[in-house]
Each structure stands twice: as structure tokens, then as C-alpha cells.
PDB file of all heavy atoms in Angstrom:
ATOM      1  N   ALA A   1       0.844  -1.198   0.000  1.00  0.00           N
ATOM      2  CA  ALA A   1       0.000   0.000   0.000  1.00  0.00           C
ATOM      3  C   ALA A   1       0.876   1.244   0.000  1.00  0.00           C
ATOM      4  O   ALA A   1       1.868   1.314   0.721  1.00  0.00           O
ATOM      5  CB  ALA A   1      -0.916   0.003   1.225  1.00  0.00           C
ATOM      6  N   ALA A   2       0.512   2.225  -0.804  1.00  0.00           N
ATOM      7  CA  ALA A   2       1.305   3.456  -0.864  1.00  0.00           C
ATOM      8  C   ALA A   2       1.333   4.163   0.486  1.00  0.00           C
ATOM      9  O   ALA A   2       2.350   4.738   0.876  1.00  0.00           O
ATOM     10  CB  ALA A   2       0.737   4.385  -1.938  1.00  0.00           C
ATOM     11  N   VAL A   3       0.191   4.112   1.210  1.00  0.00           N
ATOM     12  CA  VAL A   3       0.096   4.781   2.508  1.00  0.00           C
ATOM     13  C   VAL A   3      -0.549   3.836   3.514  1.00  0.00           C
ATOM     14  O   VAL A   3      -1.576   3.218   3.241  1.00  0.00           O
ATOM     15  CB  VAL A   3      -0.750   6.072   2.416  1.00  0.00           C
ATOM     16  CG1 VAL A   3      -0.933   6.697   3.804  1.00  0.00           C
ATOM     17  CG2 VAL A   3      -0.108   7.082   1.472  1.00  0.00           C
ATOM     18  N   LEU A   4       0.049   3.741   4.688  1.00  0.00           N
ATOM     19  CA  LEU A   4      -0.549   3.078   5.841  1.00  0.00           C
ATOM     20  C   LEU A   4      -1.148   4.170   6.710  1.00  0.00           C
ATOM     21  O   LEU A   4      -0.448   5.094   7.128  1.00  0.00           O
ATOM     22  CB  LEU A   4       0.508   2.303   6.630  1.00  0.00           C
ATOM     23  CG  LEU A   4       0.100   1.808   8.030  1.00  0.00           C
ATOM     24  CD1 LEU A   4      -0.993   0.750   7.946  1.00  0.00           C
ATOM     25  CD2 LEU A   4       1.317   1.285   8.787  1.00  0.00           C
ATOM     26  N   TYR A   5      -2.454   4.071   6.994  1.00  0.00           N
ATOM     27  CA  TYR A   5      -3.152   5.089   7.776  1.00  0.00           C
ATOM     28  C   TYR A   5      -3.570   4.500   9.117  1.00  0.00           C
ATOM     29  O   TYR A   5      -4.252   3.478   9.169  1.00  0.00           O
ATOM     30  CB  TYR A   5      -4.386   5.579   7.000  1.00  0.00           C
ATOM     31  CG  TYR A   5      -5.158   6.689   7.681  1.00  0.00           C
ATOM     32  CD1 TYR A   5      -4.564   7.913   7.953  1.00  0.00           C
ATOM     33  CD2 TYR A   5      -6.502   6.521   8.016  1.00  0.00           C
ATOM     34  CE1 TYR A   5      -5.280   8.944   8.556  1.00  0.00           C
ATOM     35  CE2 TYR A   5      -7.232   7.545   8.606  1.00  0.00           C
ATOM     36  CZ  TYR A   5      -6.621   8.753   8.877  1.00  0.00           C
ATOM     37  OH  TYR A   5      -7.321   9.770   9.468  1.00  0.00           O
ATOM     38  N   LEU A   6      -3.138   5.127  10.211  1.00  0.00           N
ATOM     39  CA  LEU A   6      -3.376   4.611  11.547  1.00  0.00           C
ATOM     40  C   LEU A   6      -4.306   5.529  12.332  1.00  0.00           C
ATOM     41  O   LEU A   6      -4.135   6.752  12.338  1.00  0.00           O
ATOM     42  CB  LEU A   6      -2.052   4.484  12.309  1.00  0.00           C
ATOM     43  CG  LEU A   6      -0.985   3.582  11.676  1.00  0.00           C
ATOM     44  CD1 LEU A   6       0.300   3.641  12.503  1.00  0.00           C
ATOM     45  CD2 LEU A   6      -1.482   2.147  11.574  1.00  0.00           C
ATOM     46  N   GLU A   7      -5.255   4.909  13.017  1.00  0.00           N
ATOM     47  CA  GLU A   7      -6.252   5.627  13.813  1.00  0.00           C
ATOM     48  C   GLU A   7      -5.843   5.618  15.290  1.00  0.00           C
ATOM     49  O   GLU A   7      -5.739   4.555  15.909  1.00  0.00           O
ATOM     50  CB  GLU A   7      -7.607   4.932  13.626  1.00  0.00           C
ATOM     51  CG  GLU A   7      -8.729   5.466  14.470  1.00  0.00           C
ATOM     52  CD  GLU A   7      -9.981   4.617  14.338  1.00  0.00           C
ATOM     53  OE1 GLU A   7     -10.271   4.099  13.240  1.00  0.00           O
ATOM     54  OE2 GLU A   7     -10.677   4.464  15.363  1.00  0.00           O
ATOM     55  N   GLY A   8      -5.655   6.801  15.858  1.00  0.00           N
ATOM     56  CA  GLY A   8      -5.211   6.908  17.238  1.00  0.00           C
ATOM     57  C   GLY A   8      -6.150   6.279  18.249  1.00  0.00           C
ATOM     58  O   GLY A   8      -5.710   5.793  19.292  1.00  0.00           O
ATOM     59  N   TYR A   9      -7.450   6.288  17.950  1.00  0.00           N
ATOM     60  CA  TYR A   9      -8.419   5.676  18.870  1.00  0.00           C
ATOM     61  C   TYR A   9      -8.028   4.241  19.235  1.00  0.00           C
ATOM     62  O   TYR A   9      -8.325   3.761  20.318  1.00  0.00           O
ATOM     63  CB  TYR A   9      -9.803   5.618  18.223  1.00  0.00           C
ATOM     64  CG  TYR A   9     -10.588   6.898  18.227  1.00  0.00           C
ATOM     65  CD1 TYR A   9     -11.202   7.358  17.063  1.00  0.00           C
ATOM     66  CD2 TYR A   9     -10.759   7.636  19.402  1.00  0.00           C
ATOM     67  CE1 TYR A   9     -11.959   8.522  17.059  1.00  0.00           C
ATOM     68  CE2 TYR A   9     -11.497   8.811  19.399  1.00  0.00           C
ATOM     69  CZ  TYR A   9     -12.105   9.243  18.226  1.00  0.00           C
ATOM     70  OH  TYR A   9     -12.850  10.399  18.234  1.00  0.00           O
ATOM     71  N   LEU A  10      -7.383   3.543  18.306  1.00  0.00           N
ATOM     72  CA  LEU A  10      -7.083   2.126  18.508  1.00  0.00           C
ATOM     73  C   LEU A  10      -5.744   1.909  19.218  1.00  0.00           C
ATOM     74  O   LEU A  10      -5.301   0.781  19.376  1.00  0.00           O
ATOM     75  CB  LEU A  10      -7.098   1.401  17.151  1.00  0.00           C
ATOM     76  CG  LEU A  10      -7.372  -0.112  17.158  1.00  0.00           C
ATOM     77  CD1 LEU A  10      -8.658  -0.441  17.873  1.00  0.00           C
ATOM     78  CD2 LEU A  10      -7.398  -0.653  15.737  1.00  0.00           C
ATOM     79  N   TRP A  11      -5.100   3.003  19.655  1.00  0.00           N
ATOM     80  CA  TRP A  11      -3.808   2.866  20.323  1.00  0.00           C
ATOM     81  C   TRP A  11      -3.968   2.415  21.767  1.00  0.00           C
ATOM     82  O   TRP A  11      -3.019   1.934  22.386  1.00  0.00           O
ATOM     83  CB  TRP A  11      -3.056   4.201  20.266  1.00  0.00           C
ATOM     84  CG  TRP A  11      -1.590   4.075  20.486  1.00  0.00           C
ATOM     85  CD1 TRP A  11      -0.907   4.283  21.646  1.00  0.00           C
ATOM     86  CD2 TRP A  11      -0.597   3.706  19.510  1.00  0.00           C
ATOM     87  NE1 TRP A  11       0.440   4.083  21.456  1.00  0.00           N
ATOM     88  CE2 TRP A  11       0.656   3.715  20.146  1.00  0.00           C
ATOM     89  CE3 TRP A  11      -0.656   3.370  18.153  1.00  0.00           C
ATOM     90  CZ2 TRP A  11       1.843   3.419  19.499  1.00  0.00           C
ATOM     91  CZ3 TRP A  11       0.518   3.068  17.494  1.00  0.00           C
ATOM     92  CH2 TRP A  11       1.743   3.086  18.155  1.00  0.00           C
ATOM     93  N   ASP A  12      -5.164   2.582  22.339  1.00  0.00           N
ATOM     94  CA  ASP A  12      -5.393   2.262  23.749  1.00  0.00           C
ATOM     95  C   ASP A  12      -5.133   0.796  24.112  1.00  0.00           C
ATOM     96  O   ASP A  12      -4.341   0.521  25.008  1.00  0.00           O
ATOM     97  CB  ASP A  12      -6.824   2.629  24.141  1.00  0.00           C
ATOM     98  CG  ASP A  12      -6.878   3.899  24.976  1.00  0.00           C
ATOM     99  OD1 ASP A  12      -5.819   4.425  25.336  1.00  0.00           O
ATOM    100  OD2 ASP A  12      -7.990   4.349  25.266  1.00  0.00           O
ATOM    101  N   PRO A  13      -5.804  -0.156  23.453  1.00  0.00           N
ATOM    102  CA  PRO A  13      -5.650  -1.557  23.865  1.00  0.00           C
ATOM    103  C   PRO A  13      -4.346  -2.168  23.372  1.00  0.00           C
ATOM    104  O   PRO A  13      -3.824  -1.816  22.315  1.00  0.00           O
ATOM    105  CB  PRO A  13      -6.856  -2.248  23.222  1.00  0.00           C
ATOM    106  CG  PRO A  13      -7.155  -1.418  22.029  1.00  0.00           C
ATOM    107  CD  PRO A  13      -6.819  -0.012  22.396  1.00  0.00           C
ATOM    108  N   GLU A  14      -3.849  -3.106  24.142  1.00  0.00           N
ATOM    109  CA  GLU A  14      -2.527  -3.674  23.872  1.00  0.00           C
ATOM    110  C   GLU A  14      -2.443  -4.423  22.540  1.00  0.00           C
ATOM    111  O   GLU A  14      -1.475  -4.261  21.783  1.00  0.00           O
ATOM    112  CB  GLU A  14      -2.145  -4.621  25.019  1.00  0.00           C
ATOM    113  CG  GLU A  14      -0.743  -5.193  24.907  1.00  0.00           C
ATOM    114  CD  GLU A  14      -0.381  -6.070  26.083  1.00  0.00           C
ATOM    115  OE1 GLU A  14      -1.075  -5.993  27.118  1.00  0.00           O
ATOM    116  OE2 GLU A  14       0.596  -6.834  25.974  1.00  0.00           O
ATOM    117  N   GLU A  15      -3.450  -5.276  22.244  1.00  0.00           N
ATOM    118  CA  GLU A  15      -3.363  -6.092  21.029  1.00  0.00           C
ATOM    119  C   GLU A  15      -3.340  -5.254  19.752  1.00  0.00           C
ATOM    120  O   GLU A  15      -2.432  -5.422  18.918  1.00  0.00           O
ATOM    121  CB  GLU A  15      -4.515  -7.102  20.993  1.00  0.00           C
ATOM    122  CG  GLU A  15      -4.334  -8.279  21.936  1.00  0.00           C
ATOM    123  CD  GLU A  15      -5.396  -9.339  21.716  1.00  0.00           C
ATOM    124  OE1 GLU A  15      -6.465  -9.228  22.331  1.00  0.00           O
ATOM    125  OE2 GLU A  15      -5.169 -10.259  20.910  1.00  0.00           O
ATOM    126  N   PRO A  16      -4.282  -4.333  19.557  1.00  0.00           N
ATOM    127  CA  PRO A  16      -4.224  -3.516  18.343  1.00  0.00           C
ATOM    128  C   PRO A  16      -2.989  -2.619  18.278  1.00  0.00           C
ATOM    129  O   PRO A  16      -2.457  -2.376  17.193  1.00  0.00           O
ATOM    130  CB  PRO A  16      -5.512  -2.682  18.410  1.00  0.00           C
ATOM    131  CG  PRO A  16      -6.405  -3.435  19.311  1.00  0.00           C
ATOM    132  CD  PRO A  16      -5.511  -4.074  20.316  1.00  0.00           C
ATOM    133  N   ARG A  17      -2.531  -2.133  19.432  1.00  0.00           N
ATOM    134  CA  ARG A  17      -1.318  -1.301  19.431  1.00  0.00           C
ATOM    135  C   ARG A  17      -0.130  -2.108  18.921  1.00  0.00           C
ATOM    136  O   ARG A  17       0.692  -1.606  18.129  1.00  0.00           O
ATOM    137  CB  ARG A  17      -1.056  -0.769  20.841  1.00  0.00           C
ATOM    138  CG  ARG A  17       0.111   0.199  20.903  1.00  0.00           C
ATOM    139  CD  ARG A  17       0.155   0.951  22.212  1.00  0.00           C
ATOM    140  NE  ARG A  17       0.362   0.098  23.361  1.00  0.00           N
ATOM    141  CZ  ARG A  17      -0.538  -0.127  24.302  1.00  0.00           C
ATOM    142  NH1 ARG A  17      -1.733   0.433  24.226  1.00  0.00           N
ATOM    143  NH2 ARG A  17      -0.266  -0.917  25.334  1.00  0.00           N
ATOM    144  N   ALA A  18      -0.044  -3.378  19.335  1.00  0.00           N
ATOM    145  CA  ALA A  18       1.033  -4.242  18.844  1.00  0.00           C
ATOM    146  C   ALA A  18       0.888  -4.471  17.336  1.00  0.00           C
ATOM    147  O   ALA A  18       1.891  -4.495  16.598  1.00  0.00           O
ATOM    148  CB  ALA A  18       1.002  -5.575  19.580  1.00  0.00           C
ATOM    149  N   ALA A  19      -0.362  -4.620  16.867  1.00  0.00           N
ATOM    150  CA  ALA A  19      -0.602  -4.804  15.432  1.00  0.00           C
ATOM    151  C   ALA A  19      -0.164  -3.569  14.649  1.00  0.00           C
ATOM    152  O   ALA A  19       0.446  -3.674  13.574  1.00  0.00           O
ATOM    153  CB  ALA A  19      -2.083  -5.112  15.176  1.00  0.00           C
ATOM    154  N   MET A  20      -0.448  -2.379  15.200  1.00  0.00           N
ATOM    155  CA  MET A  20      -0.064  -1.150  14.504  1.00  0.00           C
ATOM    156  C   MET A  20       1.446  -0.955  14.488  1.00  0.00           C
ATOM    157  O   MET A  20       2.009  -0.513  13.486  1.00  0.00           O
ATOM    158  CB  MET A  20      -0.782   0.046  15.117  1.00  0.00           C
ATOM    159  CG  MET A  20      -2.262   0.098  14.757  1.00  0.00           C
ATOM    160  SD  MET A  20      -3.047   1.699  15.066  1.00  0.00           S
ATOM    161  CE  MET A  20      -3.351   1.563  16.803  1.00  0.00           C
ATOM    162  N   ARG A  21       2.107  -1.284  15.589  1.00  0.00           N
ATOM    163  CA  ARG A  21       3.569  -1.181  15.600  1.00  0.00           C
ATOM    164  C   ARG A  21       4.179  -2.133  14.561  1.00  0.00           C
ATOM    165  O   ARG A  21       5.148  -1.785  13.864  1.00  0.00           O
ATOM    166  CB  ARG A  21       4.099  -1.496  16.993  1.00  0.00           C
ATOM    167  CG  ARG A  21       3.825  -0.404  18.027  1.00  0.00           C
ATOM    168  CD  ARG A  21       4.631  -0.653  19.282  1.00  0.00           C
ATOM    169  NE  ARG A  21       4.358   0.283  20.348  1.00  0.00           N
ATOM    170  CZ  ARG A  21       4.856   1.519  20.438  1.00  0.00           C
ATOM    171  NH1 ARG A  21       5.649   1.973  19.473  1.00  0.00           N
ATOM    172  NH2 ARG A  21       4.569   2.295  21.462  1.00  0.00           N
ATOM    173  N   LYS A  22       3.609  -3.326  14.467  1.00  0.00           N
ATOM    174  CA  LYS A  22       4.071  -4.293  13.474  1.00  0.00           C
ATOM    175  C   LYS A  22       3.841  -3.763  12.056  1.00  0.00           C
ATOM    176  O   LYS A  22       4.689  -3.913  11.163  1.00  0.00           O
ATOM    177  CB  LYS A  22       3.317  -5.612  13.677  1.00  0.00           C
ATOM    178  CG  LYS A  22       3.784  -6.775  12.822  1.00  0.00           C
ATOM    179  CD  LYS A  22       2.993  -8.028  13.197  1.00  0.00           C
ATOM    180  CE  LYS A  22       3.370  -9.226  12.318  1.00  0.00           C
ATOM    181  NZ  LYS A  22       2.564 -10.426  12.669  1.00  0.00           N
ATOM    182  N   ALA A  23       2.700  -3.106  11.855  1.00  0.00           N
ATOM    183  CA  ALA A  23       2.382  -2.542  10.540  1.00  0.00           C
ATOM    184  C   ALA A  23       3.339  -1.416  10.176  1.00  0.00           C
ATOM    185  O   ALA A  23       3.748  -1.279   9.014  1.00  0.00           O
ATOM    186  CB  ALA A  23       0.942  -2.034  10.527  1.00  0.00           C
ATOM    187  N   VAL A  24       3.698  -0.600  11.169  1.00  0.00           N
ATOM    188  CA  VAL A  24       4.652   0.492  10.921  1.00  0.00           C
ATOM    189  C   VAL A  24       5.969  -0.069  10.409  1.00  0.00           C
ATOM    190  O   VAL A  24       6.553   0.454   9.435  1.00  0.00           O
ATOM    191  CB  VAL A  24       4.871   1.322  12.208  1.00  0.00           C
ATOM    192  CG1 VAL A  24       6.090   2.236  12.065  1.00  0.00           C
ATOM    193  CG2 VAL A  24       3.630   2.144  12.530  1.00  0.00           C
ATOM    194  N   GLU A  25       6.435  -1.135  11.025  1.00  0.00           N
ATOM    195  CA  GLU A  25       7.695  -1.738  10.589  1.00  0.00           C
ATOM    196  C   GLU A  25       7.579  -2.315   9.179  1.00  0.00           C
ATOM    197  O   GLU A  25       8.512  -2.193   8.367  1.00  0.00           O
ATOM    198  CB  GLU A  25       8.123  -2.831  11.573  1.00  0.00           C
ATOM    199  CG  GLU A  25       8.445  -2.308  12.965  1.00  0.00           C
ATOM    200  CD  GLU A  25       9.450  -1.155  12.951  1.00  0.00           C
ATOM    201  OE1 GLU A  25      10.478  -1.274  12.247  1.00  0.00           O
ATOM    202  OE2 GLU A  25       9.205  -0.146  13.633  1.00  0.00           O
ATOM    203  N   ALA A  26       6.437  -2.942   8.883  1.00  0.00           N
ATOM    204  CA  ALA A  26       6.236  -3.507   7.542  1.00  0.00           C
ATOM    205  C   ALA A  26       6.198  -2.410   6.486  1.00  0.00           C
ATOM    206  O   ALA A  26       6.791  -2.539   5.408  1.00  0.00           O
ATOM    207  CB  ALA A  26       4.945  -4.327   7.503  1.00  0.00           C
TER     208      ALA A  26
END
């Protein structure tokens, strides 16, 4: 994907936050 777009609302819980950090690295 040309752009990965992350929603701050989902940063609260541990599981989605880990998924987003993993996505940032990818």
C-alpha cells in the first residue's frame, strides 16, 4: 500500500497497538 493510515483511537488496547507497531515496521 502506498500509505498506511493509523487511527489513534485504537492505540489504547494492547493487542491492536502491537498490530499497529508491526504494521509500521512492515
